[in-house]
Protein backbone atom coordinates (compact mmCIF):
# COMPACT_ATOMS: atom_id res chain seq x y z
CA MET A 1 -14.41 0.11 -7.44
CA ALA A 2 -15.71 0.22 -3.87
CA THR A 3 -13.56 -1.66 -1.36
CA SER A 4 -16.35 -4.13 -0.58
CA ASP A 5 -16.84 -4.88 -4.29
CA TYR A 6 -13.11 -5.31 -4.81
CA THR A 7 -12.85 -7.68 -1.83
CA ALA A 8 -15.74 -9.81 -3.09
CA GLU A 9 -14.25 -9.98 -6.59
CA SER A 10 -10.81 -10.77 -5.21
CA ARG A 11 -12.14 -13.52 -2.96
CA ASP A 12 -13.95 -15.10 -5.91
CA ARG A 13 -10.80 -14.91 -8.05
CA TRP A 14 -8.59 -16.57 -5.42
CA GLN A 15 -11.27 -19.16 -4.76
CA ARG A 16 -11.06 -20.17 -8.44
CA MET A 17 -7.26 -20.08 -8.46
CA ALA A 18 -6.73 -22.27 -5.39
CA ALA A 19 -6.59 -25.51 -7.38
CA ALA A 20 -3.83 -24.14 -9.62
CA TRP A 21 -1.76 -22.91 -6.67
CA GLU A 22 -2.09 -26.30 -5.01
CA ARG A 23 -1.15 -28.01 -8.28
CA GLN A 24 1.91 -25.76 -8.70
CA ASN A 25 2.96 -25.95 -5.05
CA ASP A 26 6.29 -27.76 -5.50
CA ARG A 27 7.52 -25.39 -8.20
CA GLN A 28 6.38 -22.27 -6.34
CA TRP A 29 7.90 -23.40 -3.08
CA ALA A 30 11.26 -24.13 -4.73
CA THR A 31 11.38 -20.45 -5.65
CA SER A 32 9.68 -18.84 -2.66
CA GLU A 33 10.92 -20.87 0.32
CA VAL A 34 13.75 -18.41 0.92
CA VAL A 35 11.20 -15.59 1.26
CA SER A 36 9.17 -17.47 3.86
CA ARG A 37 12.24 -18.53 5.81
CA ASP A 38 13.38 -14.92 6.02
CA LEU A 39 9.92 -13.89 7.26
CA VAL A 40 10.01 -16.53 9.98
CA GLU A 41 13.48 -15.44 11.05
CA ARG A 42 12.31 -11.83 11.27
CA LEU A 43 9.24 -12.77 13.26
CA ALA A 44 11.34 -15.06 15.52
CA PRO A 45 8.49 -16.88 17.25
CA GLU A 46 9.17 -18.61 20.56
CA PRO A 47 7.82 -22.08 21.37
CA GLY A 48 4.24 -21.69 22.58
CA ASP A 49 3.65 -18.36 20.85
CA VAL A 50 0.35 -17.91 19.03
CA VAL A 51 1.05 -16.75 15.47
CA LEU A 52 -1.56 -15.70 12.92
CA GLU A 53 -0.81 -16.04 9.21
CA LEU A 54 -2.99 -13.85 7.01
CA ALA A 55 -3.56 -14.39 3.27
CA GLY A 56 -1.67 -17.62 3.78
CA GLY A 57 -2.67 -19.27 0.50
CA ILE A 58 -1.93 -22.97 0.66
CA GLY A 59 -0.02 -22.54 3.91
CA GLN A 60 3.68 -23.22 3.36
CA THR A 61 4.78 -20.41 5.68
CA SER A 62 2.48 -21.68 8.42
CA LEU A 63 4.33 -25.00 8.39
CA LEU A 64 7.66 -23.22 8.96
CA LEU A 65 6.16 -21.27 11.86
CA ALA A 66 4.80 -24.46 13.41
CA ALA A 67 8.24 -26.06 13.09
CA ARG A 68 9.49 -23.35 15.46
CA GLY A 69 7.05 -24.54 18.11
CA ALA A 70 4.40 -21.87 17.59
CA HIS A 71 0.68 -22.53 17.59
CA VAL A 72 -0.28 -21.25 14.16
CA ILE A 73 -3.65 -19.94 13.01
CA SER A 74 -3.31 -20.38 9.25
CA THR A 75 -5.89 -18.30 7.39
CA ASP A 76 -7.03 -17.01 4.03
CA PHE A 77 -10.25 -15.27 3.00
CA ALA A 78 -10.84 -17.85 0.21
CA PRO A 79 -12.25 -21.10 1.66
CA ALA A 80 -10.69 -23.18 -1.13
CA MET A 81 -7.24 -21.88 -0.19
CA VAL A 82 -7.84 -22.81 3.45
CA GLU A 83 -8.83 -26.33 2.44
CA ALA A 84 -5.69 -26.63 0.30
CA ALA A 85 -3.59 -25.48 3.28
CA ARG A 86 -5.30 -28.05 5.48
CA ARG A 87 -4.43 -30.81 3.00
CA LEU A 88 -0.80 -29.66 2.82
CA ALA A 89 -0.48 -29.71 6.61
CA GLU A 90 -2.02 -33.20 6.77
CA ARG A 91 0.32 -34.54 4.08
CA SER A 92 3.35 -33.13 5.88
CA GLY A 93 2.24 -34.47 9.26
CA THR A 94 2.67 -31.02 10.81
CA GLU A 95 1.00 -30.44 14.16
CA GLY A 96 0.11 -27.18 15.85
CA VAL A 97 -1.65 -25.57 12.88
CA GLU A 98 -5.27 -24.46 13.04
CA HIS A 99 -6.97 -23.54 9.75
CA ARG A 100 -9.61 -20.83 9.53
CA VAL A 101 -11.30 -18.62 6.93
CA ILE A 102 -10.45 -15.06 7.97
CA ASP A 103 -10.48 -11.76 6.08
CA ALA A 104 -7.42 -9.68 7.00
CA GLU A 105 -9.54 -6.53 6.99
CA ASN A 106 -11.97 -8.01 9.55
CA ILE A 107 -9.98 -10.37 11.74
CA ASP A 108 -12.30 -12.56 13.79
CA LEU A 109 -10.02 -12.74 16.84
CA ALA A 110 -10.05 -11.01 20.22
CA ASP A 111 -7.96 -7.94 20.99
CA ALA A 112 -4.36 -8.66 22.02
CA SER A 113 -4.76 -12.39 21.39
CA VAL A 114 -1.70 -13.29 19.30
CA ASP A 115 2.06 -12.91 19.72
CA GLY A 116 2.88 -12.53 16.05
CA VAL A 117 1.33 -12.01 12.62
CA ALA A 118 2.83 -13.06 9.28
CA CYS A 119 1.64 -12.10 5.81
CA ARG A 120 3.49 -13.13 2.64
CA TRP A 121 2.44 -11.35 -0.58
CA GLY A 122 -0.94 -10.26 0.72
CA LEU A 123 -0.70 -6.69 1.98
CA MET A 124 -0.36 -5.10 -1.47
CA LEU A 125 -3.50 -6.90 -2.68
CA PHE A 126 -5.83 -5.92 0.16
CA GLY A 127 -8.65 -3.58 -0.79
CA ASP A 128 -7.96 -1.48 2.32
CA PRO A 129 -4.42 -2.21 3.58
CA HIS A 130 -4.67 0.51 6.23
CA ARG A 131 -7.70 -1.17 7.76
CA ALA A 132 -5.84 -4.50 7.67
CA LEU A 133 -2.89 -2.95 9.51
CA THR A 134 -5.25 -1.50 12.11
CA GLU A 135 -6.76 -4.96 12.60
CA ILE A 136 -3.30 -6.53 12.87
CA MET A 137 -2.31 -3.98 15.49
CA ARG A 138 -5.53 -4.71 17.40
CA VAL A 139 -5.02 -8.48 17.65
CA LEU A 140 -1.33 -8.27 18.52
CA ARG A 141 -0.28 -8.30 22.14
CA PRO A 142 1.99 -5.42 23.24
CA GLY A 143 5.46 -6.31 22.06
CA GLY A 144 4.07 -8.62 19.38
CA ARG A 145 5.55 -8.48 15.90
CA PHE A 146 4.19 -8.26 12.38
CA ALA A 147 6.32 -9.66 9.53
CA CYS A 148 5.28 -9.22 5.93
CA SER A 149 6.55 -9.57 2.39
CA VAL A 150 5.62 -7.57 -0.71
CA TRP A 151 6.99 -7.55 -4.25
CA ALA A 152 9.60 -4.92 -5.05
CA THR A 153 9.46 -2.77 -8.19
CA PRO A 154 8.33 -3.98 -11.63
CA ASP A 155 11.85 -3.66 -13.03
CA ALA A 156 13.11 -6.02 -10.33
CA ASN A 157 10.43 -8.58 -11.23
CA PRO A 158 10.44 -9.04 -15.02
CA TRP A 159 8.89 -12.52 -14.68
CA ALA A 160 5.60 -10.66 -14.10
CA SER A 161 6.12 -7.14 -15.40
CA VAL A 162 7.33 -7.97 -18.92
CA ALA A 163 4.12 -9.82 -19.72
CA GLY A 164 2.01 -7.28 -17.87
CA ARG A 165 3.41 -4.34 -19.83
CA ALA A 166 2.89 -6.14 -23.13
CA LEU A 167 -0.74 -6.91 -22.27
CA VAL A 168 -1.42 -3.31 -21.26
CA GLU A 169 0.29 -1.88 -24.35
CA ALA A 170 -1.77 -4.22 -26.55
CA GLY A 171 -4.97 -3.02 -24.90
CA VAL A 172 -5.73 -6.51 -23.60
CA MET A 173 -5.56 -5.41 -19.96
CA PRO A 174 -6.23 -1.95 -18.51
CA PRO A 175 -3.34 -0.08 -16.91
CA PRO A 176 -3.39 -0.02 -13.10
CA GLU A 177 -5.09 2.99 -11.54
CA PRO A 178 -2.87 5.03 -9.18
CA GLY A 179 -3.22 3.76 -5.63
CA GLU A 180 -5.31 0.70 -6.47
CA PRO A 181 -4.27 -2.70 -5.08
CA GLY A 182 -1.56 -4.38 -7.11
CA MET A 183 1.63 -6.41 -7.00
CA PHE A 184 4.03 -3.49 -6.92
CA ILE A 185 2.14 -0.81 -4.99
CA PHE A 186 4.45 -1.00 -1.94
CA GLY A 187 7.62 -2.00 -3.79
CA ALA A 188 9.43 1.33 -4.06
CA PRO A 189 12.47 1.68 -1.77
CA GLY A 190 11.40 2.62 1.75
CA ARG A 191 7.68 2.43 0.96
CA LEU A 192 6.88 -0.65 3.05
CA ALA A 193 8.79 0.56 6.11
CA GLN A 194 7.04 3.92 5.84
CA LEU A 195 3.64 2.21 5.65
CA LEU A 196 4.27 0.13 8.78
CA GLU A 197 5.69 3.05 10.75
CA ARG A 198 2.68 5.21 9.91
CA ALA A 199 0.42 2.40 11.11
CA GLY A 200 2.10 2.66 14.51
CA PHE A 201 4.60 -0.19 14.46
CA GLY A 202 7.87 0.34 16.24
CA PRO A 203 11.24 0.56 14.52
CA VAL A 204 10.85 -1.36 11.29
CA ASP A 205 13.57 -3.64 9.94
CA ALA A 206 13.23 -4.13 6.18
CA GLY A 207 15.40 -5.81 3.59
CA GLU A 208 15.35 -7.12 0.02
CA ILE A 209 15.21 -10.82 -0.83
CA ASP A 210 16.34 -11.88 -4.31
CA ILE A 211 14.90 -15.00 -5.90
CA ALA A 212 14.87 -16.62 -9.35
CA PHE A 213 12.06 -18.10 -11.42
CA ARG A 214 13.20 -20.95 -13.69
CA TYR A 215 11.38 -22.47 -16.67
CA ALA A 216 12.40 -25.06 -19.22
CA ASP A 217 11.32 -22.85 -22.13
CA PHE A 218 8.76 -20.24 -23.10
CA ASP A 219 5.91 -22.73 -23.25
CA ASP A 220 6.70 -23.81 -19.69
CA TYR A 221 6.80 -20.17 -18.52
CA TRP A 222 3.64 -19.17 -20.35
CA SER A 223 1.54 -22.15 -19.27
CA THR A 224 2.58 -21.60 -15.65
CA LEU A 225 1.76 -17.90 -15.81
CA LEU A 226 -1.65 -18.61 -17.30
CA ASP A 227 -2.30 -21.28 -14.67
CA LEU A 228 -1.38 -19.10 -11.69
CA GLY A 229 -2.27 -15.65 -13.00
CA GLY A 230 -6.01 -15.83 -13.46
CA ALA A 231 -6.36 -12.24 -14.65
CA VAL A 232 -3.98 -12.85 -17.57
CA ALA A 233 -5.86 -15.95 -18.73
CA ARG A 234 -9.23 -14.21 -18.47
CA ALA A 235 -7.99 -11.14 -20.34
CA LEU A 236 -6.68 -13.21 -23.24
CA ALA A 237 -9.87 -15.25 -23.35
CA GLU A 238 -11.81 -12.06 -24.06
CA VAL A 239 -9.95 -11.14 -27.27
CA PRO A 240 -10.05 -12.91 -30.65
CA PRO A 241 -7.75 -15.93 -30.92
CA ASP A 242 -5.51 -14.29 -33.52
CA GLU A 243 -5.03 -11.25 -31.24
CA ALA A 244 -4.26 -13.50 -28.26
CA GLU A 245 -1.70 -15.36 -30.37
CA ARG A 246 -0.10 -12.11 -31.54
CA VAL A 247 0.27 -10.85 -27.97
CA THR A 248 1.66 -14.20 -26.84
CA ARG A 249 4.32 -14.10 -29.54
CA GLU A 250 5.22 -10.52 -28.56
CA ILE A 251 5.70 -11.61 -24.94
CA GLU A 252 7.86 -14.49 -26.15
CA ARG A 253 10.04 -11.97 -27.99
CA ARG A 254 10.32 -9.73 -24.91
CA VAL A 255 11.43 -12.52 -22.58
CA GLU A 256 14.20 -13.66 -24.92
CA PRO A 257 16.88 -11.72 -22.93
CA PHE A 258 16.23 -14.08 -20.02
CA ARG A 259 17.05 -17.20 -21.99
CA THR A 260 20.03 -19.20 -20.70
CA ALA A 261 21.55 -22.58 -21.49
CA ASP A 262 19.19 -24.01 -18.85
CA GLY A 263 16.03 -22.35 -20.15
CA LEU A 264 14.38 -19.10 -19.08
CA VAL A 265 15.63 -17.64 -15.79
CA PHE A 266 13.97 -14.50 -14.45
CA PRO A 267 15.18 -12.50 -11.47
CA GLY A 268 12.68 -11.59 -8.79
CA ARG A 269 12.84 -9.45 -5.68
CA CYS A 270 10.72 -9.08 -2.57
CA VAL A 271 10.84 -6.63 0.32
CA ASN A 272 10.46 -8.27 3.73
CA ALA A 273 9.89 -6.27 6.89
CA VAL A 274 9.06 -6.69 10.55
CA GLY A 275 7.64 -4.17 13.00
CA THR A 276 6.64 -4.33 16.68
CA ARG A 277 3.47 -3.26 18.41
CA VAL A 278 4.67 -0.80 21.03
CA GLY A 279 2.79 0.48 24.09
CA SER A 280 0.25 -1.18 26.32
CA GLY A 281 -2.95 0.13 24.79
């Protein structure tokens, strides 16, 4: 698929999914807050800094950045996500956050206009991540920092990969093509740091962040996954009901090892990294 076609399809998909992400905000934030807090610590904005968040979704990380005294440009390429982020900021009473629709691969900002850029769980899904990194480098001032988070390997994230493997093996979803955008494309050890260094960022500091996804039972897990993972729901909708039911029961069998006295608990792992724009050009 051409990059432009992928970007258009991806924007449409996230536009449709915005309502679900807003609806699931409290649960998602309970799990992911530690990831965002680590990103903010790595970026270390000073009061008065201008910080751009790319692929910000409904904007939780932007609120943490604003709490540090930064002026935050909170963005996503899906207008519905930007509106959800605006509502979240209004409900929280947070000041210092500006909301804009911006595509990370074509950042509508002047050269050397921001002190920092943050991107949580976006880089691995961009149609052209190298172009996005070039754009990030362009808008950063010399000495500015870029902090990002990607998912680690599939084995470290069974909450997503167990279901994904079952769907692929059942022929319900196609296997990922090598090199195409996807959750785990930059998750291998050292891969994210290598990517940032090749893009021209200075010494990169990267580390793993472990999290846990908790669900009351399988029905809770499965309904949440279908709500937030639009591709899974669409794939199952395209097969006969009895086939969809068979695959669902197979996924239920495969997640049984994660059952505890408190329900289903899945480990998850992210890789967070920060790099600096060096030089004066």
